[in-house]
Amino acid sequence: MQTSQIAVATGSPMGFQQTVTAGIISGPGRSLHARSGRLIDNVVQADVVLNPGNSGGPLFNSQGQVIEVNTAIIYSAQGICLAIASNIAR
């Protein structure tokens, strides 16, 4: 995965079924402090639009392969979503 790679998210944000948004990978290899205080490494930052209802949904590359699982957004910032590797989520 590389910076500027196309990323596509699907989900049901705010109850709107089968919503698709797209953006790019902004930064692979980030770290995230979960609300529990746990540090999660190798988180991917992307600028796809995510809202409540997208968490746990897939983040695809331009070939339709699941590359990450949508995990979190930063409410105080626009365009920052975070995803974890799909193999970790399993």
N, C-alpha and C. Protein backbone atom coordinates (compact mmCIF):
# COMPACT_ATOMS: atom_id res chain seq x y z
N MET A 1 0.84 -1.16 0.00
CA MET A 1 0.00 0.00 0.00
C MET A 1 0.89 1.24 0.00
N GLN A 2 0.49 2.22 -0.80
CA GLN A 2 1.30 3.42 -0.96
C GLN A 2 0.46 4.68 -0.80
N THR A 3 1.12 5.75 -0.38
CA THR A 3 0.47 7.05 -0.34
C THR A 3 -0.01 7.41 -1.74
N SER A 4 -1.18 7.96 -1.83
CA SER A 4 -1.89 8.40 -3.05
C SER A 4 -2.60 7.26 -3.78
N GLN A 5 -2.52 6.04 -3.27
CA GLN A 5 -3.28 4.92 -3.84
C GLN A 5 -4.77 5.17 -3.64
N ILE A 6 -5.58 4.82 -4.62
CA ILE A 6 -7.03 4.98 -4.54
C ILE A 6 -7.59 4.08 -3.44
N ALA A 7 -8.54 4.63 -2.67
CA ALA A 7 -9.23 3.88 -1.62
C ALA A 7 -10.73 4.11 -1.76
N VAL A 8 -11.51 3.05 -1.63
CA VAL A 8 -12.96 3.12 -1.76
C VAL A 8 -13.59 2.47 -0.53
N ALA A 9 -14.51 3.18 0.12
CA ALA A 9 -15.19 2.65 1.31
C ALA A 9 -16.66 2.42 1.00
N THR A 10 -17.21 1.38 1.60
CA THR A 10 -18.64 1.12 1.49
C THR A 10 -19.20 0.93 2.89
N GLY A 11 -20.48 1.19 3.03
CA GLY A 11 -21.12 1.00 4.32
C GLY A 11 -22.53 1.55 4.30
N SER A 12 -23.07 1.72 5.49
CA SER A 12 -24.44 2.24 5.64
C SER A 12 -24.44 3.40 6.63
N PRO A 13 -23.75 4.48 6.31
CA PRO A 13 -23.67 5.60 7.25
C PRO A 13 -25.03 6.25 7.46
N MET A 14 -25.34 6.50 8.73
CA MET A 14 -26.59 7.18 9.09
C MET A 14 -27.81 6.46 8.52
N GLY A 15 -27.69 5.15 8.28
CA GLY A 15 -28.80 4.36 7.78
C GLY A 15 -28.98 4.37 6.27
N PHE A 16 -28.12 5.08 5.54
CA PHE A 16 -28.19 5.09 4.08
C PHE A 16 -27.46 3.86 3.55
N GLN A 17 -28.21 2.87 3.10
CA GLN A 17 -27.67 1.58 2.69
C GLN A 17 -26.77 1.69 1.46
N GLN A 18 -25.73 0.86 1.44
CA GLN A 18 -24.84 0.70 0.30
C GLN A 18 -24.28 2.03 -0.22
N THR A 19 -23.75 2.84 0.69
CA THR A 19 -23.12 4.10 0.32
C THR A 19 -21.65 3.85 -0.03
N VAL A 20 -21.19 4.45 -1.10
CA VAL A 20 -19.80 4.31 -1.56
C VAL A 20 -19.14 5.68 -1.57
N THR A 21 -17.95 5.77 -0.97
CA THR A 21 -17.16 6.99 -1.04
C THR A 21 -15.74 6.61 -1.47
N ALA A 22 -15.03 7.56 -2.04
CA ALA A 22 -13.68 7.27 -2.53
C ALA A 22 -12.73 8.39 -2.14
N GLY A 23 -11.46 8.05 -2.07
CA GLY A 23 -10.41 9.01 -1.77
C GLY A 23 -9.07 8.36 -2.03
N ILE A 24 -8.08 8.77 -1.26
CA ILE A 24 -6.73 8.21 -1.41
C ILE A 24 -6.18 7.80 -0.05
N ILE A 25 -5.17 6.96 -0.09
CA ILE A 25 -4.41 6.64 1.11
C ILE A 25 -3.52 7.85 1.37
N SER A 26 -3.67 8.45 2.54
CA SER A 26 -2.91 9.64 2.90
C SER A 26 -1.64 9.31 3.66
N GLY A 27 -1.68 8.23 4.41
CA GLY A 27 -0.51 7.88 5.19
C GLY A 27 -0.58 6.47 5.75
N PRO A 28 0.14 5.54 5.17
CA PRO A 28 0.21 4.20 5.76
C PRO A 28 1.15 4.21 6.96
N GLY A 29 1.00 3.25 7.84
CA GLY A 29 1.94 3.10 8.94
C GLY A 29 1.76 4.07 10.09
N ARG A 30 0.56 4.57 10.31
CA ARG A 30 0.29 5.47 11.44
C ARG A 30 0.04 4.66 12.71
N SER A 31 0.01 5.35 13.84
CA SER A 31 -0.36 4.75 15.12
C SER A 31 -1.59 5.46 15.64
N LEU A 32 -2.43 4.74 16.36
CA LEU A 32 -3.68 5.28 16.88
C LEU A 32 -3.84 4.87 18.33
N HIS A 33 -4.16 5.83 19.19
CA HIS A 33 -4.49 5.52 20.58
C HIS A 33 -6.00 5.31 20.65
N ALA A 34 -6.41 4.11 20.98
CA ALA A 34 -7.83 3.80 21.13
C ALA A 34 -8.36 4.48 22.39
N ARG A 35 -9.67 4.60 22.48
CA ARG A 35 -10.28 5.21 23.67
C ARG A 35 -9.88 4.49 24.94
N SER A 36 -9.60 3.21 24.83
CA SER A 36 -9.18 2.41 25.99
C SER A 36 -7.76 2.73 26.41
N GLY A 37 -7.03 3.50 25.57
CA GLY A 37 -5.64 3.81 25.84
C GLY A 37 -4.67 2.90 25.11
N ARG A 38 -5.19 1.82 24.54
CA ARG A 38 -4.35 0.87 23.81
C ARG A 38 -3.79 1.51 22.55
N LEU A 39 -2.53 1.27 22.27
CA LEU A 39 -1.89 1.77 21.06
C LEU A 39 -2.06 0.74 19.95
N ILE A 40 -2.58 1.18 18.82
CA ILE A 40 -2.74 0.31 17.65
C ILE A 40 -1.77 0.80 16.59
N ASP A 41 -0.83 -0.05 16.21
CA ASP A 41 0.17 0.30 15.20
C ASP A 41 -0.29 -0.10 13.81
N ASN A 42 0.41 0.41 12.81
CA ASN A 42 0.17 0.09 11.40
C ASN A 42 -1.25 0.41 10.94
N VAL A 43 -1.76 1.52 11.43
CA VAL A 43 -3.06 2.02 11.01
C VAL A 43 -2.85 2.83 9.74
N VAL A 44 -3.80 2.76 8.83
CA VAL A 44 -3.71 3.50 7.57
C VAL A 44 -4.62 4.72 7.65
N GLN A 45 -4.08 5.86 7.28
CA GLN A 45 -4.87 7.09 7.19
C GLN A 45 -5.31 7.27 5.75
N ALA A 46 -6.60 7.54 5.57
CA ALA A 46 -7.16 7.79 4.24
C ALA A 46 -8.09 8.99 4.31
N ASP A 47 -8.39 9.57 3.16
CA ASP A 47 -9.29 10.73 3.16
C ASP A 47 -10.67 10.41 2.59
N VAL A 48 -11.06 9.14 2.61
CA VAL A 48 -12.43 8.79 2.22
C VAL A 48 -13.39 9.34 3.28
N VAL A 49 -14.62 9.61 2.89
CA VAL A 49 -15.61 10.12 3.83
C VAL A 49 -16.22 8.95 4.60
N LEU A 50 -16.06 8.98 5.92
CA LEU A 50 -16.67 7.97 6.78
C LEU A 50 -17.56 8.67 7.80
N ASN A 51 -18.63 8.00 8.17
CA ASN A 51 -19.56 8.47 9.18
C ASN A 51 -19.99 7.28 10.01
N PRO A 52 -20.70 7.52 11.14
CA PRO A 52 -21.21 6.38 11.89
C PRO A 52 -22.00 5.45 10.97
N GLY A 53 -21.68 4.19 11.01
CA GLY A 53 -22.28 3.20 10.11
C GLY A 53 -21.28 2.66 9.11
N ASN A 54 -20.12 3.32 8.99
CA ASN A 54 -19.05 2.82 8.12
C ASN A 54 -18.06 1.94 8.88
N SER A 55 -17.97 2.09 10.19
CA SER A 55 -16.99 1.34 10.97
C SER A 55 -17.19 -0.15 10.80
N GLY A 56 -16.09 -0.85 10.58
CA GLY A 56 -16.15 -2.29 10.36
C GLY A 56 -16.36 -2.68 8.92
N GLY A 57 -16.64 -1.70 8.08
CA GLY A 57 -16.83 -1.97 6.66
C GLY A 57 -15.50 -2.02 5.92
N PRO A 58 -15.51 -2.53 4.72
CA PRO A 58 -14.27 -2.69 3.97
C PRO A 58 -13.76 -1.39 3.34
N LEU A 59 -12.44 -1.32 3.21
CA LEU A 59 -11.77 -0.29 2.42
C LEU A 59 -11.10 -1.04 1.28
N PHE A 60 -11.49 -0.73 0.07
CA PHE A 60 -11.02 -1.44 -1.12
C PHE A 60 -9.94 -0.64 -1.85
N ASN A 61 -9.11 -1.33 -2.63
CA ASN A 61 -8.23 -0.64 -3.58
C ASN A 61 -8.97 -0.53 -4.91
N SER A 62 -8.33 0.03 -5.91
CA SER A 62 -8.99 0.26 -7.20
C SER A 62 -9.27 -1.04 -7.96
N GLN A 63 -8.69 -2.17 -7.52
CA GLN A 63 -8.98 -3.47 -8.14
C GLN A 63 -10.11 -4.21 -7.43
N GLY A 64 -10.71 -3.57 -6.42
CA GLY A 64 -11.81 -4.19 -5.69
C GLY A 64 -11.38 -5.15 -4.60
N GLN A 65 -10.10 -5.16 -4.26
CA GLN A 65 -9.60 -6.03 -3.20
C GLN A 65 -9.74 -5.32 -1.86
N VAL A 66 -10.18 -6.05 -0.84
CA VAL A 66 -10.25 -5.47 0.51
C VAL A 66 -8.82 -5.31 1.02
N ILE A 67 -8.46 -4.07 1.36
CA ILE A 67 -7.10 -3.81 1.84
C ILE A 67 -7.08 -3.43 3.31
N GLU A 68 -8.17 -2.90 3.82
CA GLU A 68 -8.25 -2.46 5.21
C GLU A 68 -9.68 -2.58 5.70
N VAL A 69 -9.86 -2.38 6.99
CA VAL A 69 -11.19 -2.34 7.59
C VAL A 69 -11.36 -0.97 8.24
N ASN A 70 -12.40 -0.24 7.86
CA ASN A 70 -12.64 1.09 8.40
C ASN A 70 -12.83 1.00 9.91
N THR A 71 -12.07 1.82 10.63
CA THR A 71 -12.01 1.68 12.07
C THR A 71 -12.45 2.92 12.82
N ALA A 72 -11.98 4.09 12.40
CA ALA A 72 -12.24 5.30 13.19
C ALA A 72 -12.15 6.54 12.32
N ILE A 73 -12.76 7.61 12.82
CA ILE A 73 -12.57 8.93 12.24
C ILE A 73 -12.18 9.87 13.36
N ILE A 74 -11.61 10.99 13.01
CA ILE A 74 -11.29 12.02 14.00
C ILE A 74 -12.33 13.11 13.81
N TYR A 75 -13.25 13.21 14.76
CA TYR A 75 -14.39 14.12 14.61
C TYR A 75 -13.98 15.58 14.49
N SER A 76 -12.88 15.97 15.14
CA SER A 76 -12.47 17.37 15.11
C SER A 76 -11.73 17.75 13.84
N ALA A 77 -11.53 16.80 12.95
CA ALA A 77 -10.83 17.05 11.69
C ALA A 77 -11.68 16.56 10.53
N GLN A 78 -11.53 17.18 9.39
CA GLN A 78 -12.25 16.72 8.21
C GLN A 78 -11.31 15.88 7.36
N GLY A 79 -11.84 14.78 6.84
CA GLY A 79 -11.08 13.99 5.89
C GLY A 79 -10.02 13.09 6.47
N ILE A 80 -10.08 12.82 7.78
CA ILE A 80 -9.13 11.87 8.35
C ILE A 80 -9.90 10.66 8.83
N CYS A 81 -9.71 9.56 8.15
CA CYS A 81 -10.28 8.30 8.61
C CYS A 81 -9.13 7.33 8.79
N LEU A 82 -9.34 6.37 9.65
CA LEU A 82 -8.30 5.41 9.97
C LEU A 82 -8.83 4.00 9.78
N ALA A 83 -7.98 3.13 9.27
CA ALA A 83 -8.38 1.75 8.99
C ALA A 83 -7.25 0.82 9.41
N ILE A 84 -7.63 -0.39 9.79
CA ILE A 84 -6.63 -1.39 10.15
C ILE A 84 -6.58 -2.46 9.07
N ALA A 85 -5.46 -3.16 9.01
CA ALA A 85 -5.28 -4.19 7.99
C ALA A 85 -6.36 -5.25 8.10
N SER A 86 -6.85 -5.69 6.97
CA SER A 86 -7.94 -6.68 6.96
C SER A 86 -7.52 -7.99 7.61
N ASN A 87 -6.26 -8.37 7.53
CA ASN A 87 -5.83 -9.62 8.15
C ASN A 87 -5.78 -9.50 9.68
N ILE A 88 -5.60 -8.30 10.21
CA ILE A 88 -5.63 -8.09 11.66
C ILE A 88 -7.06 -8.15 12.17
N ALA A 89 -7.99 -7.63 11.38
CA ALA A 89 -9.39 -7.59 11.78
C ALA A 89 -10.01 -8.98 11.85
N ARG A 90 -9.48 -9.93 11.14
CA ARG A 90 -10.03 -11.29 11.14
C ARG A 90 -9.85 -11.87 12.49
